[in-house]
Amino acid sequence: MAGSISLVEGGTVTTPQGFQAGATFAGLKTYAEDKLDLGIIFSEAPCTAAGVFTTNSIRSPSVTVCQENLAKGPVRGLIVNAGIANACVGDQGYKDAQQASLLASGHLGVRPEEMLVCSTGVIGVELPMSLIEAGIEKIQLSGDGGHDLARAMMTTDTRPKEIAVSFEIDGKQAHIGGVTKGSGMIHPNMATMLAFVTTDAAVEQGFLKSTLSDVADISFNMTTIDGDTSTNDSFIVMANGMVGNQPITEGSSGAETFKQALKEVCIHLAREMARDGEGATRLIVVEVEGARDTADARKAARTVASSNLVKAAVYGADPNWGRLMMALGRSGAEVDEAKVDLFINGVCIMQEGRPIPFHRDAVVALMRSPEVTFGLHLNLGEGRATAWGCDLTEQYVIINSAYTT
């Protein structure tokens, strides 16, 4: 059974003991007052670490170097840049990612393989290494630097996304903190996102890796904005063990609490990405219950949340529930129309496959809320899942039609 988990007010990736961060403007993005585009997270102690990365066959060499360094053993931190993805630039991209790791490690006094590398931004542009080298020297690490780090990761995001929680392990107070970026080019199988999570709990490597994968499947892999998957997706967790607990392993007393705390952090970050989708005005939540199994529930929820017709209807506050049924039917999940119940923000629209009379103006008003929830009860089994998305607006087209101009 999971123990008590508490939200840390104003928490971020540096809330866990022993983690510091900092950021600067290096010139990778167009200049604006208070803009940041290069950051570092650093741990006072070596970290057990694990990651989940993009499934796109076109991937940034920053991802490759990150995975290679992760496989070499404990890490001490990571360097992240925004504005340039370091993707589709040939062999130079790999050399530049290695150089970024080398420069950051030299600045911090650790080995190059102990520093992970992440990039996000425009594809097809080389990293300006002279600017990055100069920028690294300007970064000052601090215990509250996670807030700047969260800002430095942003591309089209309108706001930083960060959180921290606390929980008890072996009688000691431990923490998990996280930051993420992502606003467009987001779809399950990782999204166009970078997510960095830290904890001061000691966690065994195998357990951390399996837990990370499970949590990704119910959080970031259930988030969709526009149906595209990035070349740079990276979700990394680092555990420095500075709380001094016995390492958490599968079946140990703190395992369930740790899993639940990590789940809460990642679901919060996933929801905030969807809420901040490019041009979005509303968060879409799709809750599927009674599917044949979990896999079917996830298929159904993701398909409905990613439907452009559903997203456009939400933007217009149009209770055109036929679009939900269309998307459900093409999801690949087993569906029996005669058993489906459908709800919009708690109002029953369909029961056992038959329309239920509803007050249209009232539902339209509900759909003008900042959050619109669709409930789909398939009544075929015990499978359940939730997906998050956002509405589709004219502003999305404007942002993406002029992204590099």
Foldseek 3Di string as FASTA:
>chain_A
DAFDKFWDVVFAQLPFPFKKKWWADLPLDPDDPPATFKMKIFGPFWWQKAKAWAPDPFAALLVVLQVVLNVVDTAGIEMEGEAEQNTPAPPLRNVLSLVLLVLLCVLVVHDSSRYRYAYYHDHPDHDPSVSSSVRSNVIDIDSSNRLVVQRNHEDLFPHWAKTKMWDDDPNFIKMKIKTKYAADQQAASAGSMEMEMEIQAAADNVLVHVLVVVLCVFARNQEDEAPGHDNTGMHMYIYRNNRVHDHDDVPDPNSVNVSVRVNVRRNSRRQVNQLRHQVFQAKEKEKEWQFAAQVLQSLLQRQLQNDQVNLQCLVQLHPPCVSSVVSNVPSPTDADLQQKWKDKVRHTQDHSNHGDDDDRVVSSVVSSDRYIYMYIYRNHHGHIGMHMHGHDDPSNVVCVVPVPD
